[in-house]
C-alpha atoms as a PDB file:
ATOM      1  CA  MET A   1     -83.059-227.068 -50.747  1.00  0.00           C
ATOM      2  CA  ALA A   2     -83.712-229.756 -53.361  1.00  0.00           C
ATOM      3  CA  VAL A   3     -86.292-231.328 -51.069  1.00  0.00           C
ATOM      4  CA  PHE A   4     -88.073-228.012 -50.533  1.00  0.00           C
ATOM      5  CA  ALA A   5     -87.992-227.233 -54.266  1.00  0.00           C
ATOM      6  CA  ALA A   6     -89.584-230.597 -55.021  1.00  0.00           C
ATOM      7  CA  LEU A   7     -92.210-230.063 -52.326  1.00  0.00           C
ATOM      8  CA  ALA A   8     -93.031-226.583 -53.594  1.00  0.00           C
ATOM      9  CA  ALA A   9     -93.461-227.872 -57.152  1.00  0.00           C
ATOM     10  CA  LYS A  10     -95.670-230.699 -55.923  1.00  0.00           C
ATOM     11  CA  LEU A  11     -97.875-228.415 -53.865  1.00  0.00           C
ATOM     12  CA  GLN A  12     -98.306-225.936 -56.712  1.00  0.00           C
ATOM     13  CA  GLN A  13     -99.688-228.693 -58.927  1.00  0.00           C
ATOM     14  CA  GLU A  14    -102.831-228.826 -56.800  1.00  0.00           C
ATOM     15  CA  PRO A  15    -105.411-226.330 -58.132  1.00  0.00           C
ATOM     16  CA  ASP A  16    -107.963-226.837 -55.380  1.00  0.00           C
ATOM     17  CA  GLU A  17    -107.710-225.164 -51.963  1.00  0.00           C
ATOM     18  CA  ALA A  18    -109.009-228.198 -50.048  1.00  0.00           C
ATOM     19  CA  ILE A  19    -106.651-230.605 -51.841  1.00  0.00           C
ATOM     20  CA  THR A  20    -103.726-228.228 -51.418  1.00  0.00           C
ATOM     21  CA  SER A  21    -104.451-227.848 -47.696  1.00  0.00           C
ATOM     22  CA  LEU A  22    -104.480-231.608 -47.161  1.00  0.00           C
ATOM     23  CA  ALA A  23    -101.228-231.895 -49.096  1.00  0.00           C
ATOM     24  CA  ILE A  24     -99.675-229.177 -46.931  1.00  0.00           C
ATOM     25  CA  VAL A  25    -100.379-230.962 -43.637  1.00  0.00           C
ATOM     26  CA  SER A  26     -99.361-234.346 -45.067  1.00  0.00           C
ATOM     27  CA  ARG A  27     -96.027-233.042 -46.336  1.00  0.00           C
ATOM     28  CA  MET A  28     -95.288-231.370 -43.030  1.00  0.00           C
ATOM     29  CA  ARG A  29     -95.625-234.707 -41.257  1.00  0.00           C
ATOM     30  CA  GLU A  30     -93.113-236.171 -43.687  1.00  0.00           C
ATOM     31  CA  LEU A  31     -90.641-233.357 -43.047  1.00  0.00           C
ATOM     32  CA  VAL A  32     -90.998-233.406 -39.253  1.00  0.00           C
ATOM     33  CA  PRO A  33     -91.394-236.995 -38.008  1.00  0.00           C
ATOM     34  CA  GLU A  34     -91.991-235.712 -34.457  1.00  0.00           C
ATOM     35  CA  ALA A  35     -95.246-234.209 -35.696  1.00  0.00           C
ATOM     36  CA  GLU A  36     -97.720-237.022 -35.183  1.00  0.00           C
ATOM     37  CA  GLN A  37    -100.562-234.789 -36.306  1.00  0.00           C
ATOM     38  CA  VAL A  38    -100.613-231.488 -38.198  1.00  0.00           C
ATOM     39  CA  SER A  39    -103.363-228.961 -38.827  1.00  0.00           C
ATOM     40  CA  LEU A  40    -103.748-225.795 -40.873  1.00  0.00           C
ATOM     41  CA  THR A  41    -105.665-222.916 -39.302  1.00  0.00           C
ATOM     42  CA  VAL A  42    -106.826-219.934 -41.356  1.00  0.00           C
ATOM     43  CA  SER A  43    -108.171-216.590 -40.201  1.00  0.00           C
ATOM     44  CA  THR A  44    -111.538-215.508 -41.607  1.00  0.00           C
ATOM     45  CA  SER A  45    -113.892-212.583 -41.096  1.00  0.00           C
ATOM     46  CA  ARG A  46    -115.879-214.827 -38.751  1.00  0.00           C
ATOM     47  CA  GLY A  47    -112.929-216.038 -36.719  1.00  0.00           C
ATOM     48  CA  HIS A  48    -110.659-219.014 -37.208  1.00  0.00           C
ATOM     49  CA  ARG A  49    -111.250-222.414 -38.728  1.00  0.00           C
ATOM     50  CA  THR A  50    -109.241-225.533 -39.445  1.00  0.00           C
ATOM     51  CA  LEU A  51    -108.816-225.814 -43.191  1.00  0.00           C
ATOM     52  CA  ALA A  52    -107.134-229.225 -43.043  1.00  0.00           C
ATOM     53  CA  SER A  53    -106.010-231.707 -40.412  1.00  0.00           C
ATOM     54  CA  SER A  54    -104.127-234.998 -40.448  1.00  0.00           C
ATOM     55  CA  GLY A  55    -105.975-236.404 -37.441  1.00  0.00           C
ATOM     56  CA  PRO A  56    -108.900-235.956 -35.019  1.00  0.00           C
ATOM     57  CA  SER A  57    -106.795-234.882 -32.023  1.00  0.00           C
ATOM     58  CA  ALA A  58    -105.341-231.968 -33.999  1.00  0.00           C
ATOM     59  CA  SER A  59    -108.823-230.870 -35.077  1.00  0.00           C
ATOM     60  CA  GLU A  60    -110.116-231.074 -31.511  1.00  0.00           C
ATOM     61  CA  ALA A  61    -107.108-229.207 -30.114  1.00  0.00           C
ATOM     62  CA  ASP A  62    -107.667-226.476 -32.708  1.00  0.00           C
ATOM     63  CA  ALA A  63    -111.390-226.285 -31.966  1.00  0.00           C
ATOM     64  CA  LEU A  64    -110.645-225.851 -28.266  1.00  0.00           C
ATOM     65  CA  GLN A  65    -108.397-222.900 -29.027  1.00  0.00           C
ATOM     66  CA  TYR A  66    -111.111-221.248 -31.098  1.00  0.00           C
ATOM     67  CA  ALA A  67    -113.739-221.837 -28.425  1.00  0.00           C
ATOM     68  CA  LEU A  68    -111.558-220.704 -25.516  1.00  0.00           C
ATOM     69  CA  GLY A  69    -109.794-217.874 -27.338  1.00  0.00           C
ATOM     70  CA  GLU A  70    -106.473-219.206 -26.079  1.00  0.00           C
ATOM     71  CA  GLY A  71    -103.631-221.214 -27.587  1.00  0.00           C
ATOM     72  CA  PRO A  72    -100.428-221.073 -29.648  1.00  0.00           C
ATOM     73  CA  CYS A  73    -102.003-221.281 -33.103  1.00  0.00           C
ATOM     74  CA  LEU A  74    -104.254-218.317 -32.305  1.00  0.00           C
ATOM     75  CA  GLU A  75    -101.271-216.289 -31.176  1.00  0.00           C
ATOM     76  CA  VAL A  76     -99.110-216.873 -34.239  1.00  0.00           C
ATOM     77  CA  ALA A  77    -102.119-216.570 -36.558  1.00  0.00           C
ATOM     78  CA  GLY A  78    -102.586-213.067 -35.220  1.00  0.00           C
ATOM     79  CA  THR A  79     -99.022-211.856 -34.759  1.00  0.00           C
ATOM     80  CA  GLY A  80     -96.846-214.071 -36.957  1.00  0.00           C
ATOM     81  CA  GLY A  81     -93.661-215.876 -35.948  1.00  0.00           C
ATOM     82  CA  TRP A  82     -93.713-219.193 -34.128  1.00  0.00           C
ATOM     83  CA  LEU A  83     -94.371-220.662 -30.676  1.00  0.00           C
ATOM     84  CA  ARG A  84     -93.441-223.921 -29.023  1.00  0.00           C
ATOM     85  CA  SER A  85     -94.761-225.607 -25.915  1.00  0.00           C
ATOM     86  CA  GLY A  86     -92.893-228.665 -24.717  1.00  0.00           C
ATOM     87  CA  ASP A  87     -95.493-229.505 -22.076  1.00  0.00           C
ATOM     88  CA  VAL A  88     -98.893-228.050 -22.892  1.00  0.00           C
ATOM     89  CA  GLY A  89    -100.535-229.352 -19.735  1.00  0.00           C
ATOM     90  CA  ALA A  90     -98.165-227.384 -17.512  1.00  0.00           C
ATOM     91  CA  ASP A  91     -97.646-224.338 -19.740  1.00  0.00           C
ATOM     92  CA  GLY A  92     -98.625-221.218 -17.791  1.00  0.00           C
ATOM     93  CA  ARG A  93     -99.257-219.293 -20.994  1.00  0.00           C
ATOM     94  CA  TYR A  94    -102.310-221.453 -21.662  1.00  0.00           C
ATOM     95  CA  PRO A  95    -103.897-222.141 -18.263  1.00  0.00           C
ATOM     96  CA  VAL A  96    -107.249-223.181 -19.712  1.00  0.00           C
ATOM     97  CA  TRP A  97    -106.430-224.658 -23.104  1.00  0.00           C
ATOM     98  CA  GLY A  98    -103.256-226.462 -22.000  1.00  0.00           C
ATOM     99  CA  PRO A  99    -104.831-228.924 -19.525  1.00  0.00           C
ATOM    100  CA  ARG A 100    -107.754-229.540 -21.879  1.00  0.00           C
ATOM    101  CA  ALA A 101    -105.374-230.262 -24.765  1.00  0.00           C
ATOM    102  CA  SER A 102    -103.371-232.581 -22.515  1.00  0.00           C
ATOM    103  CA  GLU A 103    -106.537-234.573 -21.889  1.00  0.00           C
ATOM    104  CA  LEU A 104    -106.746-235.095 -25.647  1.00  0.00           C
ATOM    105  CA  GLY A 105    -103.294-236.677 -25.569  1.00  0.00           C
ATOM    106  CA  ILE A 106    -101.350-233.608 -26.691  1.00  0.00           C
ATOM    107  CA  GLY A 107     -97.942-233.356 -25.022  1.00  0.00           C
ATOM    108  CA  SER A 108     -96.137-230.779 -27.192  1.00  0.00           C
ATOM    109  CA  VAL A 109     -97.028-228.324 -29.929  1.00  0.00           C
ATOM    110  CA  LEU A 110     -95.160-226.176 -32.419  1.00  0.00           C
ATOM    111  CA  ALA A 111     -97.189-223.436 -34.134  1.00  0.00           C
ATOM    112  CA  VAL A 112     -95.746-221.618 -37.155  1.00  0.00           C
ATOM    113  CA  ALA A 113     -97.410-218.651 -38.844  1.00  0.00           C
ATOM    114  CA  VAL A 114     -98.601-218.846 -42.433  1.00  0.00           C
ATOM    115  CA  THR A 115     -98.161-215.331 -43.802  1.00  0.00           C
ATOM    116  CA  ASP A 116     -98.673-213.557 -47.103  1.00  0.00           C
ATOM    117  CA  ARG A 117     -96.409-210.530 -47.598  1.00  0.00           C
ATOM    118  CA  ASP A 118     -95.947-210.269 -43.835  1.00  0.00           C
ATOM    119  CA  ASP A 119     -99.715-210.394 -43.217  1.00  0.00           C
ATOM    120  CA  PRO A 120    -100.704-213.420 -41.073  1.00  0.00           C
ATOM    121  CA  LEU A 121    -103.140-215.751 -42.839  1.00  0.00           C
ATOM    122  CA  GLY A 122    -103.205-218.465 -40.213  1.00  0.00           C
ATOM    123  CA  ALA A 123    -100.932-221.084 -38.704  1.00  0.00           C
ATOM    124  CA  LEU A 124     -99.574-224.574 -39.112  1.00  0.00           C
ATOM    125  CA  SER A 125     -99.809-226.516 -35.844  1.00  0.00           C
ATOM    126  CA  LEU A 126     -97.600-229.539 -35.237  1.00  0.00           C
ATOM    127  CA  TYR A 127     -98.756-231.790 -32.417  1.00  0.00           C
ATOM    128  CA  SER A 128     -96.941-234.574 -30.562  1.00  0.00           C
ATOM    129  CA  SER A 129     -98.251-236.887 -27.863  1.00  0.00           C
ATOM    130  CA  ARG A 130     -94.980-236.739 -25.936  1.00  0.00           C
ATOM    131  CA  THR A 131     -93.596-233.843 -23.928  1.00  0.00           C
ATOM    132  CA  GLY A 132     -90.294-232.250 -24.933  1.00  0.00           C
ATOM    133  CA  ALA A 133     -90.906-232.532 -28.684  1.00  0.00           C
ATOM    134  CA  PHE A 134     -89.802-229.921 -31.246  1.00  0.00           C
ATOM    135  CA  ALA A 135     -86.874-228.795 -29.046  1.00  0.00           C
ATOM    136  CA  ASP A 136     -84.332-228.953 -31.883  1.00  0.00           C
ATOM    137  CA  ARG A 137     -83.878-225.552 -33.519  1.00  0.00           C
ATOM    138  CA  ASP A 138     -83.345-227.251 -36.886  1.00  0.00           C
ATOM    139  CA  VAL A 139     -86.852-228.666 -36.613  1.00  0.00           C
ATOM    140  CA  VAL A 140     -88.240-225.200 -35.990  1.00  0.00           C
ATOM    141  CA  ASP A 141     -86.303-223.747 -38.925  1.00  0.00           C
ATOM    142  CA  THR A 142     -87.539-226.539 -41.184  1.00  0.00           C
ATOM    143  CA  ALA A 143     -91.132-225.806 -40.214  1.00  0.00           C
ATOM    144  CA  ILE A 144     -90.645-222.062 -40.784  1.00  0.00           C
ATOM    145  CA  VAL A 145     -89.150-222.536 -44.258  1.00  0.00           C
ATOM    146  CA  TYR A 146     -91.839-225.031 -45.183  1.00  0.00           C
ATOM    147  CA  ALA A 147     -94.542-222.580 -44.062  1.00  0.00           C
ATOM    148  CA  VAL A 148     -93.270-220.130 -46.704  1.00  0.00           C
ATOM    149  CA  HIS A 149     -93.808-222.721 -49.436  1.00  0.00           C
ATOM    150  CA  ALA A 150     -97.164-223.632 -47.922  1.00  0.00           C
ATOM    151  CA  THR A 151     -98.244-219.985 -48.089  1.00  0.00           C
ATOM    152  CA  THR A 152     -97.297-219.763 -51.770  1.00  0.00           C
ATOM    153  CA  ALA A 153     -99.154-222.964 -52.586  1.00  0.00           C
ATOM    154  CA  LEU A 154    -102.246-221.926 -50.634  1.00  0.00           C
ATOM    155  CA  SER A 155    -102.324-218.471 -52.222  1.00  0.00           C
ATOM    156  CA  SER A 156    -101.972-219.989 -55.702  1.00  0.00           C
ATOM    157  CA  ALA A 157    -104.788-222.451 -55.020  1.00  0.00           C
ATOM    158  CA  ARG A 158    -107.059-219.672 -53.779  1.00  0.00           C
ATOM    159  CA  HIS A 159    -106.244-217.531 -56.808  1.00  0.00           C
ATOM    160  CA  ALA A 160    -106.969-220.422 -59.169  1.00  0.00           C
ATOM    161  CA  SER A 161    -110.211-221.147 -57.342  1.00  0.00           C
ATOM    162  CA  THR A 162    -111.258-217.496 -57.592  1.00  0.00           C
ATOM    163  CA  LEU A 163    -110.539-217.419 -61.321  1.00  0.00           C
ATOM    164  CA  GLN A 164    -112.411-220.662 -61.859  1.00  0.00           C
ATOM    165  CA  THR A 165    -115.408-219.314 -59.961  1.00  0.00           C
ATOM    166  CA  ALA A 166    -115.336-216.092 -61.967  1.00  0.00           C
ATOM    167  CA  VAL A 167    -115.225-217.960 -65.292  1.00  0.00           C
ATOM    168  CA  SER A 168    -118.030-220.268 -64.169  1.00  0.00           C
ATOM    169  CA  SER A 169    -120.150-217.306 -63.067  1.00  0.00           C
ATOM    170  CA  ARG A 170    -119.695-215.533 -66.395  1.00  0.00           C
ATOM    171  CA  HIS A 171    -120.713-218.695 -68.230  1.00  0.00           C
ATOM    172  CA  VAL A 172    -123.889-219.142 -66.155  1.00  0.00           C
ATOM    173  CA  ILE A 173    -124.828-215.469 -66.493  1.00  0.00           C
ATOM    174  CA  GLY A 174    -124.300-215.677 -70.260  1.00  0.00           C
ATOM    175  CA  MET A 175    -126.610-218.686 -70.490  1.00  0.00           C
ATOM    176  CA  ALA A 176    -129.281-216.892 -68.453  1.00  0.00           C
ATOM    177  CA  GLN A 177    -128.962-213.852 -70.713  1.00  0.00           C
ATOM    178  CA  GLY A 178    -129.517-216.087 -73.713  1.00  0.00           C
ATOM    179  CA  ILE A 179    -132.708-217.467 -72.177  1.00  0.00           C
ATOM    180  CA  ALA A 180    -133.973-213.947 -71.421  1.00  0.00           C
ATOM    181  CA  MET A 181    -133.074-212.726 -74.916  1.00  0.00           C
ATOM    182  CA  GLU A 182    -135.007-215.587 -76.495  1.00  0.00           C
ATOM    183  CA  ARG A 183    -137.907-215.219 -74.079  1.00  0.00           C
ATOM    184  CA  TYR A 184    -138.436-211.471 -74.474  1.00  0.00           C
ATOM    185  CA  GLY A 185    -136.769-210.688 -77.791  1.00  0.00           C
ATOM    186  CA  ILE A 186    -134.293-208.297 -76.168  1.00  0.00           C
ATOM    187  CA  ASP A 187    -130.617-207.664 -76.800  1.00  0.00           C
ATOM    188  CA  GLN A 188    -127.576-208.593 -74.717  1.00  0.00           C
ATOM    189  CA  HIS A 189    -127.430-205.313 -72.810  1.00  0.00           C
ATOM    190  CA  GLN A 190    -131.135-205.411 -71.998  1.00  0.00           C
ATOM    191  CA  SER A 191    -130.915-209.016 -70.818  1.00  0.00           C
ATOM    192  CA  PHE A 192    -128.110-208.131 -68.423  1.00  0.00           C
ATOM    193  CA  GLU A 193    -130.087-205.197 -67.059  1.00  0.00           C
ATOM    194  CA  LEU A 194    -133.003-207.577 -66.513  1.00  0.00           C
ATOM    195  CA  LEU A 195    -130.838-209.967 -64.503  1.00  0.00           C
ATOM    196  CA  ARG A 196    -129.319-207.111 -62.553  1.00  0.00           C
ATOM    197  CA  ARG A 197    -132.723-205.719 -61.641  1.00  0.00           C
ATOM    198  CA  LEU A 198    -134.039-209.156 -60.600  1.00  0.00           C
ATOM    199  CA  SER A 199    -130.940-209.587 -58.455  1.00  0.00           C
ATOM    200  CA  SER A 200    -131.443-206.210 -56.775  1.00  0.00           C
ATOM    201  CA  THR A 201    -135.190-206.673 -56.244  1.00  0.00           C
ATOM    202  CA  ALA A 202    -134.813-210.141 -54.710  1.00  0.00           C
ATOM    203  CA  ASN A 203    -131.602-209.214 -52.845  1.00  0.00           C
ATOM    204  CA  VAL A 204    -129.937-212.293 -54.338  1.00  0.00           C
ATOM    205  CA  LYS A 205    -126.528-212.490 -55.982  1.00  0.00           C
ATOM    206  CA  LEU A 206    -126.582-212.043 -59.749  1.00  0.00           C
ATOM    207  CA  ARG A 207    -124.968-215.447 -60.297  1.00  0.00           C
ATOM    208  CA  ASP A 208    -127.624-217.156 -58.150  1.00  0.00           C
ATOM    209  CA  VAL A 209    -130.417-215.501 -60.134  1.00  0.00           C
ATOM    210  CA  ALA A 210    -128.742-216.625 -63.352  1.00  0.00           C
ATOM    211  CA  GLN A 211    -128.304-220.169 -62.014  1.00  0.00           C
ATOM    212  CA  GLN A 212    -132.013-220.357 -61.150  1.00  0.00           C
ATOM    213  CA  ILE A 213    -132.978-219.207 -64.634  1.00  0.00           C
ATOM    214  CA  VAL A 214    -130.676-221.747 -66.268  1.00  0.00           C
ATOM    215  CA  GLU A 215    -131.952-224.605 -64.094  1.00  0.00           C
ATOM    216  CA  THR A 216    -135.658-223.799 -64.402  1.00  0.00           C
ATOM    217  CA  ARG A 217    -135.632-222.249 -67.894  1.00  0.00           C
ATOM    218  CA  THR A 218    -137.986-219.580 -66.523  1.00  0.00           C
ATOM    219  CA  ILE A 219    -137.579-215.984 -65.420  1.00  0.00           C
ATOM    220  CA  PRO A 220    -138.260-215.422 -61.680  1.00  0.00           C
ATOM    221  CA  HIS A 221    -141.701-213.941 -61.000  1.00  0.00           C
ATOM    222  CA  ASP A 222    -142.616-214.475 -64.652  1.00  0.00           C
ATOM    223  CA  ARG A 223    -146.156-215.864 -65.006  1.00  0.00           C
ATOM    224  CA  SER A 224    -147.740-217.086 -68.212  1.00  0.00           C
ATOM    225  CA  ASP A 225    -150.528-214.520 -68.033  1.00  0.00           C
ATOM    226  CA  GLU A 226    -147.970-211.744 -67.645  1.00  0.00           C
ATOM    227  CA  SER A 227    -145.475-212.959 -70.222  1.00  0.00           C
ATOM    228  CA  ASP A 228    -146.687-210.776 -73.080  1.00  0.00           C
ATOM    229  CA  ALA A 229    -146.824-207.708 -70.854  1.00  0.00           C
ATOM    230  CA  GLY A 230    -143.413-208.552 -69.455  1.00  0.00           C
ATOM    231  CA  ALA A 231    -141.924-208.944 -72.874  1.00  0.00           C
ATOM    232  CA  GLU A 232    -143.447-205.673 -73.952  1.00  0.00           C
ATOM    233  CA  GLU A 233    -142.158-203.917 -70.842  1.00  0.00           C
ATOM    234  CA  TRP A 234    -138.607-205.204 -71.194  1.00  0.00           C
ATOM    235  CA  THR A 235    -138.454-204.570 -74.903  1.00  0.00           C
ATOM    236  CA  ALA A 236    -139.641-201.007 -74.489  1.00  0.00           C
ATOM    237  CA  ASP A 237    -137.804-200.151 -71.280  1.00  0.00           C
ATOM    238  CA  PRO A 238    -135.188-202.786 -70.321  1.00  0.00           C
ATOM    239  CA  ALA A 239    -133.760-200.719 -67.476  1.00  0.00           C
ATOM    240  CA  GLY A 240    -137.174-200.269 -65.938  1.00  0.00           C
ATOM    241  CA  ASP A 241    -136.849-196.491 -65.763  1.00  0.00           C
END
């Protein structure tokens, strides 16, 4: 328990999702020496992807599962729980992926779900080059408990990243508003309405419009021969109604 507490504290110190993910797979290798390589798969709206991997064979084995639609990490990522294969090349559950993974030098695999409030987020895959690995139930239990801490760390990193992005976006939008206010002599509300309308017209995210204004110090579609008319228009009718 002391080891897991220390690991959890260490993981939570990482504010970045990519750094946290790498730490997660590295720590798993330390906890389970049989795991020669470890990868972290996450489910997205576009399918699955490997967020972090400790080695090329793990990444390739993951990629094969995604391409073939078959494999232990895909199963646990979708349903939760855990799965073990002590001989992937001869495992009848994976008739296509198993032999292909064996050619990569994978002998055994243990896949453990990464879940958030019982909702599967992805899976941690532990790979070994030898057959018969991960047979000890204590090893499985260790991986399951660790996955809980990994989920907490990953969720915290994502939350921190989201907050950081939100703060950054507000800052950029505020700077763009300042440029528009100075350019056209309009107030804060009018400047925001200007950005919003430019975003809608160009079908571009508001933050991206703001970023362009900040970088170029110009308003999109604003020409020097139209500047006076534009200023007049936005001062008189900022919402464009």
